[in-house]
């Protein structure tokens, strides 16, 4: 997985703080999708989207995961500062979407926002992304929801999901929401 430099981290964290969480919540509301149960946010950065989902929907557990260990540690500090302590529903950990450590069918929802293009060496490549999508399909429970948002390969990801029997619940130019059969 490609590592981000400090400038990229600043940009991504800024974007994730201001734009991404309200967009995710708005689209979930538009699709009448209620995130409940156990949620995995992969490529979460500091966890701003998970915070927004927790505040709005109160799922029973949220795993806030990122490939970059410094992002995970900074996210823990941010969460403790925001909530006064780490909410028992939150679990921060380092994860690689290409090799998730979770058991099969562990999550009711998986969220990936602006992460998959970091998996590839070049923005438009589609060499490693199918492996990551396969891992998400593996850890998602039957009937579970996958929220996908990225700047590249939306149609290819949608084809992978449809080939695996998933239904598209919501589709915009950059975002897709799928349901596992």
C-alpha atoms as a PDB file:
ATOM      1  CA  UNK A   1       0.000   0.000   0.000  1.00  0.00           C
ATOM      2  CA  UNK A   2       1.321   3.446  -0.857  1.00  0.00           C
ATOM      3  CA  UNK A   3       2.269   5.561   2.159  1.00  0.00           C
ATOM      4  CA  UNK A   4       1.157   9.166   2.456  1.00  0.00           C
ATOM      5  CA  UNK A   5       3.621  11.949   3.132  1.00  0.00           C
ATOM      6  CA  UNK A   6       2.899  14.548   5.834  1.00  0.00           C
ATOM      7  CA  UNK A   7       1.343  17.022   3.386  1.00  0.00           C
ATOM      8  CA  UNK A   8      -1.036  14.336   2.101  1.00  0.00           C
ATOM      9  CA  UNK A   9      -2.005  13.426   5.676  1.00  0.00           C
ATOM     10  CA  UNK A  10      -2.786  17.072   6.469  1.00  0.00           C
ATOM     11  CA  UNK A  11      -4.918  17.370   3.318  1.00  0.00           C
ATOM     12  CA  UNK A  12      -6.717  14.058   3.864  1.00  0.00           C
ATOM     13  CA  UNK A  13      -7.416  14.762   7.537  1.00  0.00           C
ATOM     14  CA  UNK A  14      -8.723  18.237   6.687  1.00  0.00           C
ATOM     15  CA  UNK A  15     -11.007  16.829   3.989  1.00  0.00           C
ATOM     16  CA  UNK A  16     -12.109  13.996   6.257  1.00  0.00           C
ATOM     17  CA  UNK A  17     -12.947  16.427   9.044  1.00  0.00           C
ATOM     18  CA  UNK A  18     -15.003  18.897   7.026  1.00  0.00           C
ATOM     19  CA  UNK A  19     -16.483  17.279   3.946  1.00  0.00           C
ATOM     20  CA  UNK A  20     -16.591  13.523   4.226  1.00  0.00           C
ATOM     21  CA  UNK A  21     -18.673  12.894   7.411  1.00  0.00           C
ATOM     22  CA  UNK A  22     -21.640  15.110   6.454  1.00  0.00           C
ATOM     23  CA  UNK A  23     -21.648  13.680   2.930  1.00  0.00           C
ATOM     24  CA  UNK A  24     -21.692  10.097   4.220  1.00  0.00           C
ATOM     25  CA  UNK A  25     -24.508  10.846   6.682  1.00  0.00           C
ATOM     26  CA  UNK A  26     -26.505  12.710   4.006  1.00  0.00           C
ATOM     27  CA  UNK A  27     -26.213   9.810   1.563  1.00  0.00           C
ATOM     28  CA  UNK A  28     -27.115   7.222   4.206  1.00  0.00           C
ATOM     29  CA  UNK A  29     -30.210   9.286   5.039  1.00  0.00           C
ATOM     30  CA  UNK A  30     -31.034   9.664   1.337  1.00  0.00           C
ATOM     31  CA  UNK A  31     -30.892   5.879   0.941  1.00  0.00           C
ATOM     32  CA  UNK A  32     -32.848   5.373   4.188  1.00  0.00           C
ATOM     33  CA  UNK A  33     -29.919   3.311   5.506  1.00  0.00           C
ATOM     34  CA  UNK A  34     -29.559   3.039   9.281  1.00  0.00           C
ATOM     35  CA  UNK A  35     -26.039   1.998  10.365  1.00  0.00           C
ATOM     36  CA  UNK A  36     -26.569  -0.304  13.324  1.00  0.00           C
ATOM     37  CA  UNK A  37     -24.785  -3.274  14.783  1.00  0.00           C
ATOM     38  CA  UNK A  38     -21.057  -3.601  14.176  1.00  0.00           C
ATOM     39  CA  UNK A  39     -19.391  -1.248  11.709  1.00  0.00           C
ATOM     40  CA  UNK A  40     -15.937  -1.270  10.140  1.00  0.00           C
ATOM     41  CA  UNK A  41     -14.477   1.926   8.745  1.00  0.00           C
ATOM     42  CA  UNK A  42     -11.395   1.019   6.729  1.00  0.00           C
ATOM     43  CA  UNK A  43      -8.951   3.748   5.739  1.00  0.00           C
ATOM     44  CA  UNK A  44     -10.520   5.831   8.497  1.00  0.00           C
ATOM     45  CA  UNK A  45      -7.663   8.218   9.102  1.00  0.00           C
ATOM     46  CA  UNK A  46      -8.454   9.901  12.419  1.00  0.00           C
ATOM     47  CA  UNK A  47     -12.024   8.553  12.509  1.00  0.00           C
ATOM     48  CA  UNK A  48     -14.120  11.648  11.786  1.00  0.00           C
ATOM     49  CA  UNK A  49     -16.677   9.691   9.743  1.00  0.00           C
ATOM     50  CA  UNK A  50     -17.040   7.100  12.499  1.00  0.00           C
ATOM     51  CA  UNK A  51     -17.619   9.909  15.013  1.00  0.00           C
ATOM     52  CA  UNK A  52     -20.409  11.326  12.834  1.00  0.00           C
ATOM     53  CA  UNK A  53     -22.026   7.914  12.421  1.00  0.00           C
ATOM     54  CA  UNK A  54     -21.768   7.206  16.142  1.00  0.00           C
ATOM     55  CA  UNK A  55     -23.336  10.566  17.030  1.00  0.00           C
ATOM     56  CA  UNK A  56     -26.211  10.166  14.546  1.00  0.00           C
ATOM     57  CA  UNK A  57     -27.016   6.429  14.614  1.00  0.00           C
ATOM     58  CA  UNK A  58     -25.479   4.956  17.805  1.00  0.00           C
ATOM     59  CA  UNK A  59     -24.267   1.605  16.424  1.00  0.00           C
ATOM     60  CA  UNK A  60     -23.267  -1.005  18.977  1.00  0.00           C
ATOM     61  CA  UNK A  61     -19.589  -1.104  17.894  1.00  0.00           C
ATOM     62  CA  UNK A  62     -17.332   0.749  15.450  1.00  0.00           C
ATOM     63  CA  UNK A  63     -13.929  -0.519  14.370  1.00  0.00           C
ATOM     64  CA  UNK A  64     -11.944   2.513  13.184  1.00  0.00           C
ATOM     65  CA  UNK A  65      -9.050   1.199  11.124  1.00  0.00           C
ATOM     66  CA  UNK A  66      -6.245   2.640   9.045  1.00  0.00           C
ATOM     67  CA  UNK A  67      -3.071   1.254   7.458  1.00  0.00           C
ATOM     68  CA  UNK A  68      -0.990   4.073   8.965  1.00  0.00           C
ATOM     69  CA  UNK A  69      -0.247   3.435  12.657  1.00  0.00           C
ATOM     70  CA  UNK A  70       0.350   7.159  13.314  1.00  0.00           C
ATOM     71  CA  UNK A  71      -3.145   7.957  12.016  1.00  0.00           C
ATOM     72  CA  UNK A  72      -4.582   5.317  14.368  1.00  0.00           C
ATOM     73  CA  UNK A  73      -2.733   6.772  17.380  1.00  0.00           C
ATOM     74  CA  UNK A  74      -3.697  10.347  16.489  1.00  0.00           C
ATOM     75  CA  UNK A  75      -7.302   9.191  16.064  1.00  0.00           C
ATOM     76  CA  UNK A  76      -7.307   7.674  19.551  1.00  0.00           C
ATOM     77  CA  UNK A  77      -6.052  10.956  21.037  1.00  0.00           C
ATOM     78  CA  UNK A  78      -8.638  12.955  19.083  1.00  0.00           C
ATOM     79  CA  UNK A  79     -11.441  10.663  20.250  1.00  0.00           C
ATOM     80  CA  UNK A  80     -10.389  10.833  23.900  1.00  0.00           C
ATOM     81  CA  UNK A  81     -10.259  14.635  23.665  1.00  0.00           C
ATOM     82  CA  UNK A  82     -13.670  14.834  21.974  1.00  0.00           C
ATOM     83  CA  UNK A  83     -15.527  12.397  24.241  1.00  0.00           C
ATOM     84  CA  UNK A  84     -13.495  12.803  27.468  1.00  0.00           C
ATOM     85  CA  UNK A  85     -12.445   9.145  27.257  1.00  0.00           C
ATOM     86  CA  UNK A  86     -12.550   6.371  24.690  1.00  0.00           C
ATOM     87  CA  UNK A  87     -16.184   5.312  24.202  1.00  0.00           C
ATOM     88  CA  UNK A  88     -16.499   1.560  24.815  1.00  0.00           C
ATOM     89  CA  UNK A  89     -18.163   1.219  21.385  1.00  0.00           C
ATOM     90  CA  UNK A  90     -14.966   2.402  19.617  1.00  0.00           C
ATOM     91  CA  UNK A  91     -12.058   0.166  18.639  1.00  0.00           C
ATOM     92  CA  UNK A  92      -9.081   1.760  16.890  1.00  0.00           C
ATOM     93  CA  UNK A  93      -6.587  -0.528  15.194  1.00  0.00           C
ATOM     94  CA  UNK A  94      -4.156  -0.741  12.324  1.00  0.00           C
ATOM     95  CA  UNK A  95      -5.478  -2.833   9.438  1.00  0.00           C
ATOM     96  CA  UNK A  96      -4.487  -3.538   5.847  1.00  0.00           C
ATOM     97  CA  UNK A  97      -7.550  -3.822   3.602  1.00  0.00           C
ATOM     98  CA  UNK A  98      -5.662  -6.390   1.517  1.00  0.00           C
ATOM     99  CA  UNK A  99      -5.397  -8.723   4.516  1.00  0.00           C
ATOM    100  CA  UNK A 100      -8.026  -7.944   7.164  1.00  0.00           C
ATOM    101  CA  UNK A 101      -7.583  -9.698  10.506  1.00  0.00           C
ATOM    102  CA  UNK A 102     -11.312 -10.103  11.170  1.00  0.00           C
ATOM    103  CA  UNK A 103     -13.374 -13.276  11.031  1.00  0.00           C
ATOM    104  CA  UNK A 104     -15.736 -13.942   8.142  1.00  0.00           C
ATOM    105  CA  UNK A 105     -19.114 -12.195   8.355  1.00  0.00           C
ATOM    106  CA  UNK A 106     -18.134  -9.941  11.288  1.00  0.00           C
ATOM    107  CA  UNK A 107     -19.689  -6.618  10.219  1.00  0.00           C
ATOM    108  CA  UNK A 108     -23.139  -5.238   9.488  1.00  0.00           C
ATOM    109  CA  UNK A 109     -21.591  -2.346   7.556  1.00  0.00           C
ATOM    110  CA  UNK A 110     -18.215  -1.533   6.022  1.00  0.00           C
ATOM    111  CA  UNK A 111     -17.337   2.037   5.069  1.00  0.00           C
ATOM    112  CA  UNK A 112     -14.488   3.033   2.788  1.00  0.00           C
ATOM    113  CA  UNK A 113     -14.130   6.709   1.914  1.00  0.00           C
ATOM    114  CA  UNK A 114     -11.382   7.977  -0.372  1.00  0.00           C
ATOM    115  CA  UNK A 115      -9.058   5.114   0.550  1.00  0.00           C
ATOM    116  CA  UNK A 116      -8.818   2.599  -2.279  1.00  0.00           C
ATOM    117  CA  UNK A 117      -6.753   4.808  -4.596  1.00  0.00           C
ATOM    118  CA  UNK A 118      -4.028   4.642  -1.894  1.00  0.00           C
ATOM    119  CA  UNK A 119      -3.927   0.853  -2.254  1.00  0.00           C
ATOM    120  CA  UNK A 120      -2.695   1.146  -5.833  1.00  0.00           C
ATOM    121  CA  UNK A 121       0.733   2.319  -6.981  1.00  0.00           C
ATOM    122  CA  UNK A 122      -0.906   4.579  -9.572  1.00  0.00           C
ATOM    123  CA  UNK A 123      -4.293   6.244  -9.241  1.00  0.00           C
ATOM    124  CA  UNK A 124      -6.057   4.451 -12.110  1.00  0.00           C
ATOM    125  CA  UNK A 125      -4.521   1.013 -11.513  1.00  0.00           C
ATOM    126  CA  UNK A 126      -6.878  -1.818 -10.637  1.00  0.00           C
ATOM    127  CA  UNK A 127      -4.391  -4.486  -9.584  1.00  0.00           C
ATOM    128  CA  UNK A 128      -4.727  -4.603  -5.778  1.00  0.00           C
ATOM    129  CA  UNK A 129      -8.220  -3.169  -5.355  1.00  0.00           C
ATOM    130  CA  UNK A 130     -10.006  -6.469  -6.201  1.00  0.00           C
ATOM    131  CA  UNK A 131      -8.154  -8.164  -3.310  1.00  0.00           C
ATOM    132  CA  UNK A 132      -9.323  -5.428  -0.918  1.00  0.00           C
ATOM    133  CA  UNK A 133     -12.895  -5.681  -2.190  1.00  0.00           C
ATOM    134  CA  UNK A 134     -12.732  -9.456  -1.710  1.00  0.00           C
ATOM    135  CA  UNK A 135     -11.652  -8.936   1.907  1.00  0.00           C
ATOM    136  CA  UNK A 136     -14.557  -6.549   2.509  1.00  0.00           C
ATOM    137  CA  UNK A 137     -16.968  -9.048   0.973  1.00  0.00           C
ATOM    138  CA  UNK A 138     -15.530 -11.725   3.275  1.00  0.00           C
ATOM    139  CA  UNK A 139     -15.993  -9.756   6.520  1.00  0.00           C
ATOM    140  CA  UNK A 140     -19.451  -8.373   5.677  1.00  0.00           C
ATOM    141  CA  UNK A 141     -22.455 -10.255   7.068  1.00  0.00           C
ATOM    142  CA  UNK A 142     -25.263 -11.427   4.760  1.00  0.00           C
ATOM    143  CA  UNK A 143     -27.572  -8.468   4.192  1.00  0.00           C
ATOM    144  CA  UNK A 144     -24.750  -6.124   5.229  1.00  0.00           C
ATOM    145  CA  UNK A 145     -24.033  -2.750   3.661  1.00  0.00           C
ATOM    146  CA  UNK A 146     -20.845  -1.584   1.936  1.00  0.00           C
ATOM    147  CA  UNK A 147     -20.419   2.181   1.496  1.00  0.00           C
ATOM    148  CA  UNK A 148     -17.759   2.881  -1.167  1.00  0.00           C
ATOM    149  CA  UNK A 149     -16.436   6.324  -2.115  1.00  0.00           C
ATOM    150  CA  UNK A 150     -13.320   6.954  -4.137  1.00  0.00           C
ATOM    151  CA  UNK A 151     -11.920   9.073  -6.933  1.00  0.00           C
ATOM    152  CA  UNK A 152     -11.255   6.184  -9.323  1.00  0.00           C
ATOM    153  CA  UNK A 153     -12.607   2.829 -10.484  1.00  0.00           C
ATOM    154  CA  UNK A 154     -16.216   3.189  -9.325  1.00  0.00           C
ATOM    155  CA  UNK A 155     -17.564   1.216 -12.286  1.00  0.00           C
ATOM    156  CA  UNK A 156     -15.002  -1.577 -11.857  1.00  0.00           C
ATOM    157  CA  UNK A 157     -15.804  -1.884  -8.155  1.00  0.00           C
ATOM    158  CA  UNK A 158     -19.523  -1.879  -8.947  1.00  0.00           C
ATOM    159  CA  UNK A 159     -18.971  -4.728 -11.436  1.00  0.00           C
ATOM    160  CA  UNK A 160     -17.058  -6.749  -8.805  1.00  0.00           C
ATOM    161  CA  UNK A 161     -19.904  -6.251  -6.346  1.00  0.00           C
ATOM    162  CA  UNK A 162     -22.598  -7.195  -8.877  1.00  0.00           C
ATOM    163  CA  UNK A 163     -20.592 -10.258  -9.950  1.00  0.00           C
ATOM    164  CA  UNK A 164     -20.688 -11.339  -6.285  1.00  0.00           C
ATOM    165  CA  UNK A 165     -24.484 -10.863  -6.156  1.00  0.00           C
ATOM    166  CA  UNK A 166     -24.581  -7.516  -4.377  1.00  0.00           C
ATOM    167  CA  UNK A 167     -27.359  -5.003  -5.043  1.00  0.00           C
ATOM    168  CA  UNK A 168     -26.658  -1.312  -5.566  1.00  0.00           C
ATOM    169  CA  UNK A 169     -28.814   0.634  -3.109  1.00  0.00           C
ATOM    170  CA  UNK A 170     -27.482   4.079  -3.978  1.00  0.00           C
ATOM    171  CA  UNK A 171     -25.237   5.404  -6.727  1.00  0.00           C
ATOM    172  CA  UNK A 172     -23.778   8.860  -7.264  1.00  0.00           C
ATOM    173  CA  UNK A 173     -20.875  10.002  -9.406  1.00  0.00           C
ATOM    174  CA  UNK A 174     -18.265   9.022  -6.782  1.00  0.00           C
ATOM    175  CA  UNK A 175     -20.155   6.997  -4.168  1.00  0.00           C
ATOM    176  CA  UNK A 176     -21.858   3.625  -4.181  1.00  0.00           C
ATOM    177  CA  UNK A 177     -23.787   1.791  -1.495  1.00  0.00           C
ATOM    178  CA  UNK A 178     -24.131  -1.969  -1.917  1.00  0.00           C
ATOM    179  CA  UNK A 179     -26.026  -4.655  -0.041  1.00  0.00           C
ATOM    180  CA  UNK A 180     -24.725  -8.185   0.324  1.00  0.00           C
ATOM    181  CA  UNK A 181     -27.189 -10.926  -0.564  1.00  0.00           C
END
